[in-house]
């Protein structure tokens, strides 16, 4: 068979991205997959205990369209340090690494965790500082293309109100990006639920 060419007025549609499938944990979350750890692993510790800034924990969960937790979710997080500066290279030996990966185990009911410091304010391309935030990327079976979203903090009212990126969103959708501080926790801890579908669907970005 002769392969048609673009000169004949035909084009080839883009093929769909491969879903994460059951293998993402085998390659990137060895402890969850029940495999022995490698010598150097990227885990949920975005910042070590001696990193500059306020130490915080992020406890999150992803909810599907039926209201059930997505138990095989895999989450990557990228953020600025306490001074609002992104690290351009990951080094496990650094106190602040800027990047982390997390996935719930079989007994966590879909909850995943990051250990980090509260990020500082990063300048928007227009020059105005954005509110402190953490960038999140989601992978799971059935998600053809990984999803991008952001986490903002409920105790950063003034910064959120003046953030050009956050305020570019419809007012009715902004609350879906807010993590709530757990006032009962001994250490600063924020809880964040991401909804894939439904009336509370989280805002996702096409970066």
N, C-alpha and C. Protein backbone atom coordinates (compact mmCIF):
# COMPACT_ATOMS: atom_id res chain seq x y z
N UNK A 1 0.85 -1.19 0.00
CA UNK A 1 0.00 0.00 0.00
C UNK A 1 0.89 1.24 0.00
N UNK A 2 0.54 2.19 -0.85
CA UNK A 2 1.29 3.44 -0.91
C UNK A 2 0.80 4.39 0.17
N UNK A 3 1.74 4.90 0.98
CA UNK A 3 1.39 5.83 2.04
C UNK A 3 1.03 7.18 1.44
N UNK A 4 -0.17 7.72 1.73
CA UNK A 4 -0.53 9.03 1.18
C UNK A 4 0.37 10.12 1.73
N UNK A 5 0.54 11.16 1.00
CA UNK A 5 1.39 12.28 1.43
C UNK A 5 0.54 13.50 1.67
N UNK A 6 1.13 14.49 2.36
CA UNK A 6 0.42 15.73 2.63
C UNK A 6 0.15 16.49 1.33
N UNK A 7 0.94 16.20 0.30
CA UNK A 7 0.73 16.87 -0.98
C UNK A 7 -0.60 16.47 -1.60
N UNK A 8 -1.14 15.34 -1.16
CA UNK A 8 -2.42 14.89 -1.69
C UNK A 8 -3.60 15.48 -0.92
N UNK A 9 -3.29 16.41 -0.03
CA UNK A 9 -4.36 17.07 0.70
C UNK A 9 -4.84 16.31 1.92
N UNK A 10 -4.07 15.31 2.36
CA UNK A 10 -4.46 14.53 3.52
C UNK A 10 -3.58 14.91 4.70
N UNK A 11 -4.11 14.75 5.88
CA UNK A 11 -3.33 15.00 7.09
C UNK A 11 -3.58 13.87 8.07
N UNK A 12 -2.66 13.69 9.00
CA UNK A 12 -2.77 12.62 9.98
C UNK A 12 -3.13 13.23 11.33
N UNK A 13 -4.21 12.76 11.94
CA UNK A 13 -4.59 13.32 13.24
C UNK A 13 -3.60 12.90 14.33
N UNK A 14 -3.53 13.71 15.36
CA UNK A 14 -2.66 13.39 16.49
C UNK A 14 -3.19 12.16 17.20
N UNK A 15 -2.31 11.24 17.54
CA UNK A 15 -2.73 10.06 18.30
C UNK A 15 -2.88 10.43 19.76
N UNK A 16 -3.75 9.76 20.51
CA UNK A 16 -3.94 10.10 21.91
C UNK A 16 -2.73 9.78 22.75
N UNK A 17 -2.52 10.55 23.82
CA UNK A 17 -1.43 10.26 24.74
C UNK A 17 -1.69 8.95 25.46
N UNK A 18 -0.64 8.27 25.80
CA UNK A 18 -0.80 7.02 26.55
C UNK A 18 -1.18 7.33 27.99
N UNK A 19 -2.13 6.61 28.54
CA UNK A 19 -2.50 6.83 29.93
C UNK A 19 -1.39 6.33 30.84
N UNK A 20 -1.43 6.76 32.09
CA UNK A 20 -0.40 6.36 33.04
C UNK A 20 -0.42 4.85 33.27
N UNK A 21 -1.61 4.26 33.25
CA UNK A 21 -1.72 2.82 33.43
C UNK A 21 -1.23 2.37 34.79
N UNK A 22 -1.02 1.10 34.97
CA UNK A 22 -0.60 0.57 36.27
C UNK A 22 0.90 0.67 36.51
N UNK A 23 1.65 1.25 35.54
CA UNK A 23 3.11 1.18 35.61
C UNK A 23 3.76 2.42 36.21
N UNK A 24 3.01 3.49 36.37
CA UNK A 24 3.62 4.72 36.87
C UNK A 24 4.19 4.53 38.27
N UNK A 25 3.50 3.75 39.11
CA UNK A 25 4.01 3.52 40.46
C UNK A 25 5.24 2.61 40.45
N UNK A 26 5.25 1.65 39.54
CA UNK A 26 6.40 0.75 39.45
C UNK A 26 7.67 1.54 39.12
N UNK A 27 7.54 2.55 38.29
CA UNK A 27 8.70 3.32 37.89
C UNK A 27 9.01 4.50 38.78
N UNK A 28 7.97 5.11 39.41
CA UNK A 28 8.17 6.39 40.09
C UNK A 28 7.74 6.42 41.55
N UNK A 29 7.03 5.41 42.03
CA UNK A 29 6.61 5.36 43.44
C UNK A 29 6.84 3.94 43.95
N UNK A 30 8.11 3.61 44.08
CA UNK A 30 8.49 2.22 44.37
C UNK A 30 7.93 1.72 45.69
N UNK A 31 7.89 2.58 46.71
CA UNK A 31 7.38 2.14 48.01
C UNK A 31 5.91 1.76 47.92
N UNK A 32 5.12 2.53 47.15
CA UNK A 32 3.71 2.22 46.97
C UNK A 32 3.53 0.92 46.18
N UNK A 33 4.43 0.68 45.23
CA UNK A 33 4.36 -0.53 44.40
C UNK A 33 4.92 -1.75 45.13
N UNK A 34 5.46 -1.55 46.34
CA UNK A 34 6.02 -2.66 47.10
C UNK A 34 7.39 -3.10 46.63
N UNK A 35 8.11 -2.18 45.99
CA UNK A 35 9.44 -2.49 45.47
C UNK A 35 10.52 -1.85 46.33
N UNK A 36 11.72 -2.41 46.35
CA UNK A 36 12.81 -1.81 47.14
C UNK A 36 13.20 -0.45 46.57
N UNK A 37 13.57 0.50 47.41
CA UNK A 37 13.91 1.84 46.94
C UNK A 37 15.24 1.86 46.20
N UNK A 38 15.39 2.85 45.33
CA UNK A 38 16.67 3.09 44.68
C UNK A 38 17.54 3.94 45.59
N UNK A 39 18.81 4.05 45.23
CA UNK A 39 19.74 4.84 46.04
C UNK A 39 19.32 6.30 46.08
N UNK A 40 18.80 6.82 44.97
CA UNK A 40 18.35 8.21 44.91
C UNK A 40 16.93 8.24 44.37
N UNK A 41 16.00 8.72 45.16
CA UNK A 41 14.59 8.68 44.80
C UNK A 41 13.97 10.05 45.04
N UNK A 42 13.09 10.48 44.13
CA UNK A 42 12.34 11.72 44.33
C UNK A 42 11.04 11.36 45.04
N UNK A 43 10.87 11.86 46.24
CA UNK A 43 9.71 11.52 47.04
C UNK A 43 8.91 12.74 47.44
N UNK A 44 8.12 12.64 48.51
CA UNK A 44 7.24 13.74 48.91
C UNK A 44 7.93 14.85 49.71
N UNK A 45 9.23 14.71 49.99
CA UNK A 45 9.94 15.73 50.77
C UNK A 45 10.48 16.81 49.83
N UNK A 46 9.66 17.82 49.57
CA UNK A 46 10.09 18.92 48.71
C UNK A 46 11.14 19.77 49.43
N UNK A 47 11.03 19.84 50.74
CA UNK A 47 11.98 20.60 51.55
C UNK A 47 12.33 19.80 52.79
N UNK A 48 13.59 19.83 53.17
CA UNK A 48 14.04 19.15 54.38
C UNK A 48 13.73 20.02 55.60
N UNK A 49 13.92 19.43 56.77
CA UNK A 49 13.58 20.14 58.01
C UNK A 49 14.39 21.41 58.20
N UNK A 50 15.60 21.47 57.63
CA UNK A 50 16.45 22.65 57.81
C UNK A 50 16.31 23.67 56.68
N UNK A 51 15.33 23.52 55.82
CA UNK A 51 15.13 24.48 54.74
C UNK A 51 14.61 25.80 55.30
N UNK A 52 14.97 26.90 54.65
CA UNK A 52 14.50 28.23 55.07
C UNK A 52 13.01 28.37 54.79
N UNK A 53 12.27 28.92 55.75
CA UNK A 53 10.85 29.16 55.57
C UNK A 53 9.99 28.41 56.56
N UNK A 54 8.69 28.63 56.47
CA UNK A 54 7.73 27.98 57.37
C UNK A 54 7.47 26.55 56.89
N UNK A 55 7.81 25.58 57.71
CA UNK A 55 7.59 24.18 57.36
C UNK A 55 6.09 23.87 57.38
N UNK A 56 5.60 23.25 56.32
CA UNK A 56 4.18 22.89 56.22
C UNK A 56 4.03 21.49 55.64
N UNK A 57 2.84 20.93 55.83
CA UNK A 57 2.48 19.67 55.20
C UNK A 57 1.25 19.92 54.32
N UNK A 58 1.21 19.24 53.18
CA UNK A 58 0.05 19.28 52.29
C UNK A 58 -0.55 17.89 52.24
N UNK A 59 -1.80 17.76 52.65
CA UNK A 59 -2.52 16.49 52.56
C UNK A 59 -3.61 16.66 51.51
N UNK A 60 -3.53 15.88 50.45
CA UNK A 60 -4.49 16.05 49.37
C UNK A 60 -5.15 14.75 48.96
N UNK A 61 -6.24 14.91 48.24
CA UNK A 61 -6.96 13.75 47.72
C UNK A 61 -7.62 14.16 46.42
N UNK A 62 -7.67 13.23 45.47
CA UNK A 62 -8.32 13.46 44.18
C UNK A 62 -9.62 12.67 44.16
N UNK A 63 -10.72 13.35 43.80
CA UNK A 63 -12.06 12.76 43.81
C UNK A 63 -12.56 12.65 42.37
N UNK A 64 -13.11 11.48 42.03
CA UNK A 64 -13.62 11.29 40.67
C UNK A 64 -15.06 11.79 40.53
N UNK A 65 -15.64 11.60 39.36
CA UNK A 65 -16.98 12.11 39.09
C UNK A 65 -18.07 11.45 39.90
N UNK A 66 -17.80 10.28 40.48
CA UNK A 66 -18.77 9.58 41.33
C UNK A 66 -18.64 9.96 42.80
N UNK A 67 -17.67 10.82 43.11
CA UNK A 67 -17.46 11.22 44.50
C UNK A 67 -16.53 10.28 45.26
N UNK A 68 -15.86 9.36 44.54
CA UNK A 68 -14.95 8.40 45.18
C UNK A 68 -13.51 8.86 45.04
N UNK A 69 -12.67 8.56 46.04
CA UNK A 69 -11.25 8.93 45.91
C UNK A 69 -10.56 8.11 44.84
N UNK A 70 -9.66 8.74 44.10
CA UNK A 70 -8.86 8.05 43.10
C UNK A 70 -7.64 7.48 43.82
N UNK A 71 -7.67 6.18 44.07
CA UNK A 71 -6.65 5.58 44.93
C UNK A 71 -5.34 5.30 44.21
N UNK A 72 -5.34 5.30 42.86
CA UNK A 72 -4.09 5.05 42.14
C UNK A 72 -3.51 6.34 41.55
N UNK A 73 -3.87 7.47 42.13
CA UNK A 73 -3.38 8.75 41.63
C UNK A 73 -1.88 8.89 41.92
N UNK A 74 -1.21 9.61 41.05
CA UNK A 74 0.21 9.93 41.23
C UNK A 74 0.35 11.44 41.01
N UNK A 75 0.95 12.14 41.96
CA UNK A 75 0.97 13.60 41.95
C UNK A 75 2.41 14.11 41.97
N UNK A 76 2.69 15.07 41.10
CA UNK A 76 3.97 15.77 41.13
C UNK A 76 3.71 17.22 41.53
N UNK A 77 4.62 17.78 42.32
CA UNK A 77 4.49 19.15 42.80
C UNK A 77 5.77 19.92 42.51
N UNK A 78 5.60 21.17 42.11
CA UNK A 78 6.72 22.06 41.81
C UNK A 78 6.40 23.43 42.38
N UNK A 79 7.33 24.03 43.10
CA UNK A 79 7.04 25.29 43.77
C UNK A 79 8.29 26.13 43.92
N UNK A 80 8.07 27.41 44.23
CA UNK A 80 9.16 28.31 44.57
C UNK A 80 9.55 28.13 46.03
N UNK A 81 10.74 28.61 46.38
CA UNK A 81 11.17 28.54 47.78
C UNK A 81 10.52 29.68 48.57
N UNK A 82 10.93 29.83 49.82
CA UNK A 82 10.31 30.82 50.70
C UNK A 82 10.55 32.25 50.22
N UNK A 83 11.53 32.46 49.34
CA UNK A 83 11.83 33.79 48.81
C UNK A 83 11.17 34.02 47.45
N UNK A 84 10.39 33.06 46.97
CA UNK A 84 9.72 33.21 45.68
C UNK A 84 10.61 32.88 44.49
N UNK A 85 11.62 32.04 44.70
CA UNK A 85 12.57 31.69 43.65
C UNK A 85 12.43 30.19 43.33
N UNK A 86 12.30 29.87 42.04
CA UNK A 86 12.26 28.47 41.61
C UNK A 86 13.68 27.93 41.45
N UNK A 87 13.88 26.69 41.86
CA UNK A 87 15.15 26.02 41.64
C UNK A 87 15.10 25.37 40.25
N UNK A 88 16.13 25.57 39.47
CA UNK A 88 16.13 25.08 38.10
C UNK A 88 16.70 23.67 37.96
N UNK A 89 17.34 23.17 39.00
CA UNK A 89 17.84 21.79 38.95
C UNK A 89 17.56 21.11 40.28
N UNK A 90 17.09 19.87 40.19
CA UNK A 90 16.76 19.11 41.40
C UNK A 90 18.02 18.47 41.97
N UNK A 91 18.24 18.71 43.26
CA UNK A 91 19.36 18.07 43.96
C UNK A 91 18.83 17.53 45.28
N UNK A 92 18.90 16.23 45.46
CA UNK A 92 18.37 15.61 46.67
C UNK A 92 19.11 16.07 47.92
N UNK A 93 20.37 16.48 47.76
CA UNK A 93 21.15 16.89 48.93
C UNK A 93 20.84 18.32 49.37
N UNK A 94 20.08 19.08 48.58
CA UNK A 94 19.72 20.44 48.96
C UNK A 94 18.62 20.42 50.03
N UNK A 95 18.66 21.41 50.91
CA UNK A 95 17.61 21.52 51.92
C UNK A 95 16.26 21.81 51.26
N UNK A 96 16.28 22.65 50.24
CA UNK A 96 15.06 22.91 49.45
C UNK A 96 15.28 22.35 48.05
N UNK A 97 14.39 21.43 47.65
CA UNK A 97 14.56 20.76 46.35
C UNK A 97 13.62 21.32 45.30
N UNK A 98 12.48 21.85 45.71
CA UNK A 98 11.57 22.51 44.78
C UNK A 98 10.62 21.60 44.03
N UNK A 99 10.84 20.28 44.09
CA UNK A 99 10.05 19.33 43.32
C UNK A 99 9.85 18.07 44.15
N UNK A 100 8.67 17.47 44.02
CA UNK A 100 8.40 16.24 44.75
C UNK A 100 7.35 15.39 44.06
N UNK A 101 7.27 14.13 44.48
CA UNK A 101 6.28 13.19 43.96
C UNK A 101 5.63 12.46 45.12
N UNK A 102 4.34 12.21 44.98
CA UNK A 102 3.62 11.54 46.06
C UNK A 102 2.48 10.71 45.49
N UNK A 103 2.18 9.60 46.16
CA UNK A 103 1.07 8.73 45.78
C UNK A 103 0.55 8.05 47.03
N UNK A 104 -0.77 7.85 47.13
CA UNK A 104 -1.31 7.18 48.31
C UNK A 104 -1.02 5.69 48.27
N UNK A 105 -0.83 5.12 49.44
CA UNK A 105 -0.68 3.66 49.53
C UNK A 105 -2.06 3.03 49.56
N UNK A 106 -2.10 1.72 49.59
CA UNK A 106 -3.37 0.99 49.56
C UNK A 106 -4.22 1.24 50.79
N UNK A 107 -3.62 1.73 51.87
CA UNK A 107 -4.36 1.94 53.12
C UNK A 107 -4.63 3.42 53.41
N UNK A 108 -4.33 4.31 52.48
CA UNK A 108 -4.45 5.75 52.72
C UNK A 108 -5.77 6.36 52.26
N UNK A 109 -6.67 5.56 51.71
CA UNK A 109 -7.97 6.05 51.24
C UNK A 109 -7.80 7.20 50.25
N UNK A 110 -6.76 7.14 49.44
CA UNK A 110 -6.56 8.15 48.40
C UNK A 110 -5.79 9.38 48.84
N UNK A 111 -5.42 9.49 50.10
CA UNK A 111 -4.72 10.68 50.58
C UNK A 111 -3.23 10.60 50.27
N UNK A 112 -2.68 11.68 49.73
CA UNK A 112 -1.25 11.80 49.49
C UNK A 112 -0.72 13.01 50.25
N UNK A 113 0.59 13.07 50.45
CA UNK A 113 1.19 14.08 51.32
C UNK A 113 2.47 14.64 50.73
N UNK A 114 2.68 15.94 50.94
CA UNK A 114 3.95 16.57 50.63
C UNK A 114 4.46 17.29 51.88
N UNK A 115 5.76 17.28 52.08
CA UNK A 115 6.42 17.98 53.19
C UNK A 115 7.28 19.07 52.56
N UNK A 116 7.01 20.32 52.93
CA UNK A 116 7.68 21.41 52.23
C UNK A 116 7.71 22.66 53.10
N UNK A 117 7.98 23.80 52.49
CA UNK A 117 7.85 25.10 53.14
C UNK A 117 6.86 25.92 52.34
N UNK A 118 6.20 26.86 53.00
CA UNK A 118 5.26 27.69 52.27
C UNK A 118 6.05 28.54 51.26
N UNK A 119 5.63 28.50 50.00
CA UNK A 119 6.36 29.25 48.97
C UNK A 119 6.19 30.75 49.12
N UNK A 120 7.19 31.49 48.63
CA UNK A 120 7.07 32.93 48.59
C UNK A 120 6.33 33.37 47.35
N UNK A 121 6.20 34.67 47.17
CA UNK A 121 5.46 35.23 46.04
C UNK A 121 6.38 35.35 44.83
N UNK A 122 5.91 34.82 43.71
CA UNK A 122 6.66 34.84 42.45
C UNK A 122 6.10 35.95 41.57
N UNK A 123 6.96 36.66 40.87
CA UNK A 123 6.51 37.75 40.01
C UNK A 123 5.78 37.21 38.78
N UNK A 124 4.63 37.79 38.50
CA UNK A 124 3.88 37.48 37.28
C UNK A 124 4.61 38.12 36.10
N UNK A 125 4.49 37.56 34.89
CA UNK A 125 5.15 38.19 33.73
C UNK A 125 4.84 39.68 33.59
N UNK A 126 3.69 40.12 34.09
CA UNK A 126 3.35 41.52 34.02
C UNK A 126 4.02 42.36 35.09
N UNK A 127 4.73 41.70 36.01
CA UNK A 127 5.46 42.41 37.05
C UNK A 127 4.82 42.35 38.41
N UNK A 128 3.51 42.14 38.49
CA UNK A 128 2.81 42.09 39.77
C UNK A 128 3.04 40.73 40.42
N UNK A 129 3.31 40.68 41.74
CA UNK A 129 3.57 39.39 42.38
C UNK A 129 2.31 38.53 42.48
N UNK A 130 2.48 37.24 42.23
CA UNK A 130 1.39 36.28 42.40
C UNK A 130 1.33 35.83 43.85
N UNK A 131 0.20 35.31 44.26
CA UNK A 131 0.05 34.78 45.61
C UNK A 131 0.86 33.50 45.75
N UNK A 132 1.27 33.15 46.97
CA UNK A 132 1.97 31.88 47.17
C UNK A 132 1.13 30.71 46.65
N UNK A 133 1.77 29.81 45.92
CA UNK A 133 1.04 28.69 45.34
C UNK A 133 1.99 27.53 45.07
N UNK A 134 1.41 26.36 44.87
CA UNK A 134 2.15 25.16 44.49
C UNK A 134 1.52 24.62 43.21
N UNK A 135 2.34 24.32 42.22
CA UNK A 135 1.87 23.74 40.97
C UNK A 135 1.78 22.22 41.11
N UNK A 136 0.68 21.65 40.65
CA UNK A 136 0.45 20.21 40.77
C UNK A 136 0.16 19.61 39.41
N UNK A 137 0.64 18.39 39.20
CA UNK A 137 0.37 17.65 37.97
C UNK A 137 -0.10 16.25 38.36
N UNK A 138 -1.20 15.80 37.74
CA UNK A 138 -1.86 14.55 38.13
C UNK A 138 -1.73 13.50 37.03
N UNK A 139 -1.46 12.27 37.45
CA UNK A 139 -1.41 11.12 36.55
C UNK A 139 -2.25 10.00 37.16
N UNK A 140 -2.99 9.28 36.33
CA UNK A 140 -3.75 8.12 36.80
C UNK A 140 -4.28 7.36 35.60
N UNK A 141 -4.68 6.13 35.82
CA UNK A 141 -5.34 5.37 34.76
C UNK A 141 -6.60 6.10 34.31
N UNK A 142 -6.80 6.18 33.00
CA UNK A 142 -7.98 6.84 32.47
C UNK A 142 -7.78 8.31 32.19
N UNK A 143 -6.70 8.90 32.67
CA UNK A 143 -6.39 10.30 32.36
C UNK A 143 -5.44 10.29 31.16
N UNK A 144 -5.97 10.61 30.00
CA UNK A 144 -5.18 10.49 28.77
C UNK A 144 -4.02 11.48 28.72
N UNK A 145 -4.26 12.68 29.19
CA UNK A 145 -3.23 13.71 29.24
C UNK A 145 -3.15 14.21 30.68
N UNK A 146 -1.97 14.23 31.24
CA UNK A 146 -1.82 14.64 32.64
C UNK A 146 -2.46 16.01 32.86
N UNK A 147 -2.98 16.22 34.05
CA UNK A 147 -3.73 17.42 34.39
C UNK A 147 -2.88 18.37 35.22
N UNK A 148 -2.96 19.67 34.89
CA UNK A 148 -2.24 20.71 35.62
C UNK A 148 -3.23 21.51 36.46
N UNK A 149 -2.87 21.76 37.71
CA UNK A 149 -3.67 22.67 38.52
C UNK A 149 -2.74 23.37 39.51
N UNK A 150 -3.33 24.20 40.35
CA UNK A 150 -2.56 24.93 41.35
C UNK A 150 -3.24 24.87 42.70
N UNK A 151 -2.44 24.99 43.74
CA UNK A 151 -2.93 25.04 45.11
C UNK A 151 -2.58 26.41 45.69
N UNK A 152 -3.60 27.12 46.18
CA UNK A 152 -3.41 28.37 46.90
C UNK A 152 -3.82 28.16 48.36
N UNK A 153 -3.49 29.10 49.23
CA UNK A 153 -3.67 28.93 50.67
C UNK A 153 -4.78 29.83 51.20
N UNK A 154 -5.61 29.28 52.06
CA UNK A 154 -6.76 30.04 52.57
C UNK A 154 -6.36 31.13 53.56
N UNK A 155 -5.14 31.08 54.10
CA UNK A 155 -4.71 32.11 55.04
C UNK A 155 -3.84 33.18 54.37
N UNK A 156 -3.90 33.24 53.05
CA UNK A 156 -3.18 34.27 52.29
C UNK A 156 -4.20 35.17 51.59
N UNK A 157 -5.15 35.68 52.35
CA UNK A 157 -6.28 36.43 51.78
C UNK A 157 -5.81 37.63 50.96
N UNK A 158 -4.93 38.43 51.54
CA UNK A 158 -4.51 39.65 50.86
C UNK A 158 -3.73 39.33 49.58
N UNK A 159 -2.83 38.35 49.66
CA UNK A 159 -2.05 37.98 48.48
C UNK A 159 -2.95 37.39 47.40
N UNK A 160 -3.91 36.56 47.80
CA UNK A 160 -4.84 35.97 46.82
C UNK A 160 -5.66 37.07 46.13
N UNK A 161 -6.09 38.04 46.92
CA UNK A 161 -6.94 39.11 46.37
C UNK A 161 -6.20 39.95 45.34
N UNK A 162 -4.86 40.03 45.47
CA UNK A 162 -4.09 40.85 44.54
C UNK A 162 -3.35 40.06 43.48
N UNK A 163 -3.59 38.75 43.41
CA UNK A 163 -2.85 37.89 42.48
C UNK A 163 -3.46 37.98 41.08
N UNK A 164 -2.72 38.43 40.07
CA UNK A 164 -3.29 38.57 38.73
C UNK A 164 -3.68 37.24 38.10
N UNK A 165 -2.96 36.18 38.40
CA UNK A 165 -3.27 34.86 37.84
C UNK A 165 -4.54 34.32 38.48
N UNK A 166 -4.61 34.35 39.80
CA UNK A 166 -5.76 33.82 40.53
C UNK A 166 -7.03 34.58 40.16
N UNK A 167 -6.91 35.90 40.04
CA UNK A 167 -8.09 36.72 39.77
C UNK A 167 -8.49 36.77 38.31
N UNK A 168 -7.72 36.12 37.45
CA UNK A 168 -8.14 35.96 36.06
C UNK A 168 -9.18 34.85 35.93
N UNK A 169 -9.37 34.07 37.00
CA UNK A 169 -10.35 32.98 36.99
C UNK A 169 -11.74 33.52 37.32
N UNK A 170 -12.79 32.85 36.85
CA UNK A 170 -14.15 33.26 37.24
C UNK A 170 -14.29 33.19 38.76
N UNK A 171 -14.90 34.16 39.40
CA UNK A 171 -15.04 34.16 40.86
C UNK A 171 -15.65 32.88 41.41
N UNK A 172 -16.57 32.28 40.67
CA UNK A 172 -17.23 31.07 41.17
C UNK A 172 -16.33 29.85 41.17
N UNK A 173 -15.17 29.94 40.47
CA UNK A 173 -14.28 28.77 40.36
C UNK A 173 -13.03 28.89 41.24
N UNK A 174 -12.77 30.06 41.76
CA UNK A 174 -11.51 30.28 42.49
C UNK A 174 -11.40 29.41 43.73
N UNK A 175 -12.52 29.16 44.37
CA UNK A 175 -12.50 28.40 45.62
C UNK A 175 -12.00 26.97 45.41
N UNK A 176 -12.07 26.45 44.17
CA UNK A 176 -11.63 25.08 43.92
C UNK A 176 -10.12 24.93 44.01
N UNK A 177 -9.40 26.04 44.07
CA UNK A 177 -7.93 25.99 44.15
C UNK A 177 -7.41 26.31 45.55
N UNK A 178 -8.30 26.43 46.52
CA UNK A 178 -7.90 26.85 47.86
C UNK A 178 -7.70 25.64 48.79
N UNK A 179 -6.53 25.55 49.40
CA UNK A 179 -6.25 24.55 50.43
C UNK A 179 -6.59 25.15 51.79
N UNK A 180 -7.20 24.34 52.65
CA UNK A 180 -7.65 24.81 53.96
C UNK A 180 -6.67 24.41 55.06
N UNK A 181 -6.32 25.37 55.88
CA UNK A 181 -5.40 25.07 56.99
C UNK A 181 -6.14 24.27 58.05
N UNK A 182 -5.52 23.20 58.50
CA UNK A 182 -6.08 22.33 59.54
C UNK A 182 -5.74 22.92 60.90
N UNK A 183 -6.72 23.53 61.53
CA UNK A 183 -6.48 24.22 62.81
C UNK A 183 -6.29 23.23 63.96
N UNK A 184 -6.61 21.97 63.75
CA UNK A 184 -6.46 20.96 64.80
C UNK A 184 -5.08 20.31 64.78
N UNK A 185 -4.31 20.53 63.74
CA UNK A 185 -3.01 19.87 63.61
C UNK A 185 -1.96 20.57 64.48
N UNK A 186 -1.00 19.80 64.97
CA UNK A 186 0.07 20.35 65.79
C UNK A 186 1.05 21.17 64.96
N UNK A 187 1.23 20.80 63.70
CA UNK A 187 2.12 21.53 62.80
C UNK A 187 1.28 22.13 61.67
N UNK A 188 1.76 23.18 61.00
CA UNK A 188 0.98 23.78 59.90
C UNK A 188 0.68 22.73 58.82
N UNK A 189 -0.59 22.46 58.62
CA UNK A 189 -1.02 21.44 57.67
C UNK A 189 -2.20 21.96 56.88
N UNK A 190 -2.17 21.73 55.57
CA UNK A 190 -3.24 22.18 54.68
C UNK A 190 -3.85 20.97 53.99
N UNK A 191 -5.17 20.99 53.87
CA UNK A 191 -5.88 19.92 53.18
C UNK A 191 -6.46 20.46 51.87
N UNK A 192 -6.33 19.64 50.83
CA UNK A 192 -6.71 20.09 49.50
C UNK A 192 -7.35 18.93 48.75
N UNK A 193 -8.60 19.12 48.31
CA UNK A 193 -9.28 18.10 47.52
C UNK A 193 -9.42 18.59 46.09
N UNK A 194 -9.05 17.73 45.16
CA UNK A 194 -9.14 18.02 43.73
C UNK A 194 -10.27 17.18 43.16
N UNK A 195 -11.24 17.82 42.52
CA UNK A 195 -12.38 17.12 41.93
C UNK A 195 -12.21 17.09 40.42
N UNK A 196 -12.23 15.89 39.86
CA UNK A 196 -12.02 15.73 38.42
C UNK A 196 -13.24 16.12 37.61
N UNK A 197 -14.43 15.94 38.17
CA UNK A 197 -15.68 16.24 37.46
C UNK A 197 -16.72 16.67 38.48
N UNK A 198 -17.85 17.13 37.96
CA UNK A 198 -18.98 17.46 38.82
C UNK A 198 -19.07 18.92 39.15
N UNK A 199 -20.03 19.28 40.02
CA UNK A 199 -20.27 20.70 40.33
C UNK A 199 -19.10 21.37 41.03
N UNK A 200 -18.23 20.60 41.69
CA UNK A 200 -17.07 21.17 42.38
C UNK A 200 -15.78 20.97 41.59
N UNK A 201 -15.90 20.73 40.28
CA UNK A 201 -14.72 20.43 39.47
C UNK A 201 -13.64 21.49 39.65
N UNK A 202 -12.45 21.02 39.91
CA UNK A 202 -11.28 21.89 40.11
C UNK A 202 -10.90 22.54 38.78
N UNK A 203 -10.36 23.74 38.86
CA UNK A 203 -9.84 24.41 37.67
C UNK A 203 -8.55 23.72 37.24
N UNK A 204 -8.50 23.34 35.96
CA UNK A 204 -7.29 22.76 35.38
C UNK A 204 -6.79 23.70 34.28
N UNK A 205 -5.47 23.73 34.12
CA UNK A 205 -4.86 24.67 33.19
C UNK A 205 -4.20 23.94 32.03
N UNK A 206 -4.20 24.59 30.88
CA UNK A 206 -3.57 24.05 29.68
C UNK A 206 -2.25 24.78 29.49
N UNK A 207 -1.22 24.34 30.22
CA UNK A 207 0.09 25.01 30.14
C UNK A 207 0.87 24.45 28.95
